[in-house]
């Protein structure tokens, strides 16, 4: 799909997501695998070690996540030639997302930053989206004072949330109302998924809440999962519902406008534009504003004052017919 420049000029290529190369994929798989282990290992640990270790693993997880985020950025740059403009857009979107989060935090789960993360992941792709989600959550934690053992888990969860939007089908061909409906459905489902994953981080550290929903170290996994679902329904279902509803409402009202703005900015930034230089044997363009004398009417003066034309040396203006 291509847009035409103003005035009916040549087509302008549509904004495409930042593609994933092999090194980018490897870095994303590695960091995602570490995240899955960090979230899920307490369910498989024995009863004597799970609670003691779970409350102290956040600093180690953060120490692993931050270098791997940098590795994803470096791998993406190496694979597809992203430049400083892409890093600048990453910073701008992360700052906007961090500023949006306090607007609804603490009020029935209303967090408008999720809406922006879905659209950014859709336009810029899964690799860029994962880094954007994690960096945005890190920045918002610093902004709101929400730094704690939950922060690296929030970074991973938001990274997955934004990356998922970049993996949706039809990133180039699908446009219009169909795309908004797809993004709205994804935003609603992913809002519940984000809350559920984050519940897993906090649930295993709580004790004595009740026999029906408390985590029991050492119990079979399926029994703990049933208690976990009951815990989610009792504690966070209302928050997740508010987050999902707000995401859908924003998507259907202003989603089209924000999508167009993001795609326009991405197209103009031209992250993957290749700059080529011609060798000595190639044609070198002349400086603008300078015209080389051509044709038989061009002439110069020599030191003797005789006008010489393109016809050859010693030929005066009067000799040219």
Protein backbone atom coordinates (compact mmCIF):
# COMPACT_ATOMS: atom_id res chain seq x y z
CA UNK A 1 0.00 0.00 0.00
CA UNK A 2 1.35 3.41 -0.91
CA UNK A 3 0.25 7.00 -0.46
CA UNK A 4 0.61 9.66 -3.12
CA UNK A 5 2.43 12.85 -2.38
CA UNK A 6 0.53 16.12 -2.42
CA UNK A 7 -0.07 17.37 -5.93
CA UNK A 8 -0.29 13.90 -7.49
CA UNK A 9 3.42 13.17 -7.44
CA UNK A 10 5.10 9.82 -7.21
CA UNK A 11 3.83 7.30 -4.65
CA UNK A 12 5.24 7.49 -1.12
CA UNK A 13 5.93 4.07 0.39
CA UNK A 14 3.79 3.14 3.38
CA UNK A 15 5.31 3.06 6.84
CA UNK A 16 6.41 -0.48 7.65
CA UNK A 17 7.22 -1.97 11.07
CA UNK A 18 10.88 -2.28 11.98
CA UNK A 19 11.74 -5.78 10.83
CA UNK A 20 13.25 -8.46 13.03
CA UNK A 21 16.59 -9.95 12.03
CA UNK A 22 18.10 -13.19 13.35
CA UNK A 23 20.04 -11.46 16.13
CA UNK A 24 16.97 -9.52 17.22
CA UNK A 25 14.92 -12.70 17.37
CA UNK A 26 17.62 -14.49 19.38
CA UNK A 27 17.80 -11.65 21.91
CA UNK A 28 14.00 -11.52 22.27
CA UNK A 29 13.76 -15.29 22.73
CA UNK A 30 16.47 -15.22 25.39
CA UNK A 31 14.95 -12.40 27.42
CA UNK A 32 11.45 -13.90 27.12
CA UNK A 33 12.69 -17.30 28.29
CA UNK A 34 14.32 -15.69 31.33
CA UNK A 35 11.08 -13.84 32.04
CA UNK A 36 8.99 -17.03 31.88
CA UNK A 37 11.35 -18.73 34.31
CA UNK A 38 11.29 -15.73 36.64
CA UNK A 39 7.49 -15.71 36.75
CA UNK A 40 6.89 -19.45 36.86
CA UNK A 41 9.65 -21.09 38.84
CA UNK A 42 8.00 -20.64 42.28
CA UNK A 43 5.21 -23.00 41.19
CA UNK A 44 7.78 -25.75 40.69
CA UNK A 45 10.04 -25.09 43.68
CA UNK A 46 9.73 -26.98 46.93
CA UNK A 47 8.06 -25.51 49.97
CA UNK A 48 11.25 -24.69 51.87
CA UNK A 49 12.83 -22.37 49.30
CA UNK A 50 10.13 -20.73 47.27
CA UNK A 51 9.02 -17.89 49.55
CA UNK A 52 12.50 -17.02 50.80
CA UNK A 53 13.97 -16.85 47.31
CA UNK A 54 10.99 -15.21 45.60
CA UNK A 55 11.22 -12.01 47.62
CA UNK A 56 14.88 -11.51 46.74
CA UNK A 57 15.05 -12.37 43.06
CA UNK A 58 13.94 -8.96 41.72
CA UNK A 59 17.38 -7.26 41.88
CA UNK A 60 18.94 -10.19 40.03
CA UNK A 61 16.20 -10.18 37.43
CA UNK A 62 16.59 -6.44 36.89
CA UNK A 63 20.35 -6.87 36.51
CA UNK A 64 19.70 -9.40 33.73
CA UNK A 65 16.82 -7.59 32.02
CA UNK A 66 18.52 -4.21 31.52
CA UNK A 67 21.57 -5.52 29.61
CA UNK A 68 19.33 -7.76 27.52
CA UNK A 69 17.14 -4.77 26.60
CA UNK A 70 20.27 -3.02 25.37
CA UNK A 71 21.16 -6.19 23.47
CA UNK A 72 17.78 -6.17 21.71
CA UNK A 73 18.34 -2.55 20.64
CA UNK A 74 21.88 -3.24 19.43
CA UNK A 75 20.77 -6.37 17.57
CA UNK A 76 17.94 -4.48 15.88
CA UNK A 77 20.34 -1.72 14.83
CA UNK A 78 22.79 -4.28 13.48
CA UNK A 79 20.12 -6.24 11.62
CA UNK A 80 18.18 -3.44 9.93
CA UNK A 81 20.36 -0.35 10.11
CA UNK A 82 18.31 1.71 12.56
CA UNK A 83 19.89 5.04 13.37
CA UNK A 84 19.66 7.83 15.93
CA UNK A 85 16.18 8.77 14.69
CA UNK A 86 14.79 5.44 15.84
CA UNK A 87 16.39 5.80 19.26
CA UNK A 88 14.99 9.33 19.49
CA UNK A 89 11.48 8.08 18.68
CA UNK A 90 11.90 5.37 21.31
CA UNK A 91 12.73 8.04 23.89
CA UNK A 92 9.81 10.27 22.89
CA UNK A 93 7.23 7.49 22.99
CA UNK A 94 8.59 6.16 26.30
CA UNK A 95 8.36 9.65 27.80
CA UNK A 96 4.78 10.09 26.59
CA UNK A 97 3.80 6.66 27.92
CA UNK A 98 5.43 7.35 31.28
CA UNK A 99 3.56 10.65 31.52
CA UNK A 100 0.22 9.00 30.67
CA UNK A 101 0.45 6.32 33.34
CA UNK A 102 -0.05 8.57 36.41
CA UNK A 103 -3.22 10.02 34.85
CA UNK A 104 -5.20 6.89 35.68
CA UNK A 105 -3.10 4.85 38.09
CA UNK A 106 -4.94 4.09 41.29
CA UNK A 107 -8.41 4.65 39.78
CA UNK A 108 -10.08 1.32 38.97
CA UNK A 109 -7.18 0.25 36.76
CA UNK A 110 -7.69 3.07 34.24
CA UNK A 111 -4.28 3.35 32.57
CA UNK A 112 -4.26 5.17 29.19
CA UNK A 113 -0.65 4.19 28.53
CA UNK A 114 -1.83 0.72 27.42
CA UNK A 115 -3.65 2.29 24.50
CA UNK A 116 -0.46 4.01 23.31
CA UNK A 117 1.60 0.84 23.74
CA UNK A 118 -0.75 -1.18 21.53
CA UNK A 119 -0.61 1.38 18.71
CA UNK A 120 3.17 1.84 19.00
CA UNK A 121 3.80 -1.88 18.86
CA UNK A 122 1.51 -2.16 15.84
CA UNK A 123 3.31 0.56 13.89
CA UNK A 124 6.91 -0.05 14.93
CA UNK A 125 7.02 -3.84 15.19
CA UNK A 126 7.56 -6.47 17.89
CA UNK A 127 11.26 -5.90 18.62
CA UNK A 128 10.94 -2.14 18.91
CA UNK A 129 7.68 -2.65 20.81
CA UNK A 130 9.23 -4.92 23.43
CA UNK A 131 11.97 -2.43 24.22
CA UNK A 132 9.48 0.45 24.22
CA UNK A 133 7.15 -1.30 26.67
CA UNK A 134 9.93 -2.20 29.08
CA UNK A 135 11.59 1.23 28.93
CA UNK A 136 8.25 2.99 29.38
CA UNK A 137 7.45 1.00 32.50
CA UNK A 138 10.94 1.65 33.88
CA UNK A 139 10.59 5.39 33.27
CA UNK A 140 7.10 5.54 34.76
CA UNK A 141 8.30 3.74 37.89
CA UNK A 142 11.00 6.35 38.35
CA UNK A 143 8.49 9.13 37.68
CA UNK A 144 5.84 7.92 40.11
CA UNK A 145 8.11 6.46 42.78
CA UNK A 146 6.87 2.98 42.02
CA UNK A 147 10.28 1.33 42.27
CA UNK A 148 10.12 -1.99 44.07
CA UNK A 149 10.59 -5.74 43.66
CA UNK A 150 7.70 -5.75 41.19
CA UNK A 151 9.36 -3.35 38.73
CA UNK A 152 11.40 -5.81 36.62
CA UNK A 153 8.33 -8.03 36.35
CA UNK A 154 6.28 -5.06 35.18
CA UNK A 155 8.95 -4.27 32.58
CA UNK A 156 8.81 -7.80 31.19
CA UNK A 157 5.00 -7.90 31.20
CA UNK A 158 4.67 -4.56 29.43
CA UNK A 159 7.35 -5.60 26.94
CA UNK A 160 5.35 -8.72 26.06
CA UNK A 161 2.15 -6.67 25.90
CA UNK A 162 3.62 -4.23 23.36
CA UNK A 163 5.46 -6.92 21.42
CA UNK A 164 2.21 -8.84 20.96
CA UNK A 165 0.67 -5.87 19.15
CA UNK A 166 3.60 -5.93 16.73
CA UNK A 167 3.00 -9.61 15.98
CA UNK A 168 -0.61 -9.14 14.89
CA UNK A 169 -1.36 -10.01 11.23
CA UNK A 170 -1.61 -7.55 8.37
CA UNK A 171 0.86 -4.88 9.51
CA UNK A 172 0.98 -3.34 6.02
CA UNK A 173 -2.18 -4.37 4.18
CA UNK A 174 -4.84 -4.19 6.91
CA UNK A 175 -6.19 -0.68 7.45
CA UNK A 176 -9.37 1.09 8.49
CA UNK A 177 -12.09 -0.10 10.80
CA UNK A 178 -11.04 -3.73 10.58
CA UNK A 179 -7.63 -2.90 11.96
CA UNK A 180 -9.12 -0.86 14.81
CA UNK A 181 -11.45 -3.72 15.73
CA UNK A 182 -8.53 -6.15 15.77
CA UNK A 183 -6.40 -3.81 17.92
CA UNK A 184 -9.32 -3.21 20.28
CA UNK A 185 -9.86 -6.94 20.74
CA UNK A 186 -6.16 -7.47 21.33
CA UNK A 187 -5.99 -4.57 23.80
CA UNK A 188 -8.89 -5.98 25.82
CA UNK A 189 -7.51 -9.52 25.97
CA UNK A 190 -3.94 -8.38 26.60
CA UNK A 191 -5.09 -6.05 29.40
CA UNK A 192 -6.46 -9.07 31.27
CA UNK A 193 -3.34 -11.08 30.42
CA UNK A 194 -1.08 -8.34 31.78
CA UNK A 195 -2.98 -8.25 35.07
CA UNK A 196 -2.96 -12.04 35.34
CA UNK A 197 0.79 -12.31 34.77
CA UNK A 198 1.49 -9.59 37.32
CA UNK A 199 -0.78 -11.34 39.82
CA UNK A 200 1.45 -14.37 39.56
CA UNK A 201 4.37 -12.26 40.73
CA UNK A 202 2.60 -11.04 43.86
CA UNK A 203 0.50 -14.07 44.69
CA UNK A 204 3.36 -16.38 45.65
CA UNK A 205 4.67 -13.90 48.25
CA UNK A 206 1.35 -13.64 50.14
CA UNK A 207 0.39 -15.98 52.94
CA UNK A 208 -2.61 -16.41 55.18
CA UNK A 209 -5.16 -14.80 52.86
CA UNK A 210 -7.51 -17.77 52.97
CA UNK A 211 -7.42 -21.45 52.32
CA UNK A 212 -9.18 -21.12 48.97
CA UNK A 213 -6.91 -18.63 47.22
CA UNK A 214 -3.54 -18.68 48.99
CA UNK A 215 -0.44 -20.08 47.38
CA UNK A 216 0.74 -23.31 49.00
CA UNK A 217 4.43 -24.02 48.40
CA UNK A 218 5.07 -27.60 47.41
CA UNK A 219 1.48 -28.40 46.36
CA UNK A 220 0.81 -29.84 42.89
CA UNK A 221 0.87 -27.24 40.14
CA UNK A 222 -2.72 -27.81 39.03
CA UNK A 223 -4.06 -27.27 42.54
CA UNK A 224 -2.12 -24.03 42.94
CA UNK A 225 -3.34 -22.83 39.54
CA UNK A 226 -6.97 -23.29 40.62
CA UNK A 227 -6.27 -21.19 43.71
CA UNK A 228 -4.50 -18.65 41.52
CA UNK A 229 -7.53 -18.21 39.27
CA UNK A 230 -9.69 -17.70 42.34
CA UNK A 231 -7.17 -15.16 43.61
CA UNK A 232 -7.33 -13.21 40.31
CA UNK A 233 -11.14 -13.19 40.34
CA UNK A 234 -11.24 -11.98 43.95
CA UNK A 235 -8.54 -9.30 43.83
CA UNK A 236 -7.89 -7.89 40.36
CA UNK A 237 -10.78 -8.69 38.03
CA UNK A 238 -12.30 -5.22 38.43
CA UNK A 239 -8.97 -3.49 37.75
CA UNK A 240 -8.31 -5.56 34.66
CA UNK A 241 -11.83 -4.89 33.39
CA UNK A 242 -11.37 -1.13 33.77
CA UNK A 243 -8.06 -1.26 31.93
CA UNK A 244 -9.57 -3.28 29.09
CA UNK A 245 -12.62 -1.04 28.71
CA UNK A 246 -10.56 2.17 28.65
CA UNK A 247 -8.20 0.69 26.05
CA UNK A 248 -11.12 -0.26 23.78
CA UNK A 249 -12.83 3.12 24.17
CA UNK A 250 -9.67 5.07 23.34
CA UNK A 251 -8.94 2.76 20.43
CA UNK A 252 -12.34 3.27 18.83
CA UNK A 253 -12.43 7.03 19.37
CA UNK A 254 -8.94 8.38 18.69
CA UNK A 255 -7.10 5.24 17.57
CA UNK A 256 -7.28 6.09 13.87
CA UNK A 257 -5.81 9.56 14.42
CA UNK A 258 -2.94 8.31 16.56
CA UNK A 259 -2.19 5.49 14.11
CA UNK A 260 -1.92 7.95 11.23
CA UNK A 261 0.37 10.23 13.24
CA UNK A 262 2.65 7.35 14.22
CA UNK A 263 2.81 6.03 10.67
CA UNK A 264 3.52 9.48 9.26
CA UNK A 265 6.36 9.98 11.73
CA UNK A 266 7.76 6.53 10.98
CA UNK A 267 7.58 7.08 7.22
CA UNK A 268 9.35 10.43 7.43
CA UNK A 269 12.00 9.06 9.77
CA UNK A 270 12.80 6.34 7.19
CA UNK A 271 14.58 4.15 9.74
CA UNK A 272 15.84 1.64 7.19
CA UNK A 273 16.71 4.03 4.36
CA UNK A 274 19.98 3.05 2.76
CA UNK A 275 22.51 5.79 2.05
CA UNK A 276 24.77 4.98 -0.93
CA UNK A 277 27.77 6.78 -2.35
CA UNK A 278 28.90 6.48 -5.96
CA UNK A 279 32.48 5.65 -6.71
CA UNK A 280 34.96 7.77 -8.66
CA UNK A 281 33.78 6.30 -11.95
CA UNK A 282 30.14 7.12 -11.29
CA UNK A 283 28.32 10.28 -12.11
CA UNK A 284 28.86 12.94 -9.47
CA UNK A 285 26.05 15.50 -9.27
CA UNK A 286 27.12 19.06 -9.71
CA UNK A 287 26.54 21.63 -6.99
CA UNK A 288 23.11 23.19 -7.14
CA UNK A 289 22.87 26.65 -8.63
CA UNK A 290 25.94 26.25 -10.88
CA UNK A 291 25.40 25.72 -14.62
CA UNK A 292 28.14 24.57 -16.92
CA UNK A 293 28.42 26.66 -20.15
CA UNK A 294 27.09 24.65 -23.06
CA UNK A 295 26.17 25.25 -26.70
CA UNK A 296 27.65 27.44 -29.38
CA UNK A 297 26.44 30.66 -27.77
CA UNK A 298 28.56 30.29 -24.66
CA UNK A 299 31.69 32.41 -24.65
CA UNK A 300 34.54 33.67 -22.50
CA UNK A 301 37.17 36.34 -22.81
CA UNK A 302 40.89 35.70 -22.93
CA UNK A 303 43.55 38.07 -21.63
CA UNK A 304 43.74 39.95 -24.94
CA UNK A 305 40.11 40.90 -24.81
CA UNK A 306 39.16 38.68 -27.78
CA UNK A 307 35.94 36.80 -27.22
CA UNK A 308 36.29 33.03 -27.61
CA UNK A 309 33.32 30.81 -28.15
CA UNK A 310 32.65 27.11 -27.94
CA UNK A 311 33.64 26.84 -31.59
CA UNK A 312 37.35 26.70 -30.71
CA UNK A 313 40.32 28.84 -29.81
CA UNK A 314 40.85 32.06 -31.69
CA UNK A 315 37.28 32.19 -32.97
CA UNK A 316 35.64 35.55 -32.40
CA UNK A 317 31.93 36.17 -31.94
CA UNK A 318 31.70 37.52 -35.44
CA UNK A 319 33.00 34.21 -36.86
CA UNK A 320 30.12 32.25 -35.44
CA UNK A 321 27.05 32.10 -37.71
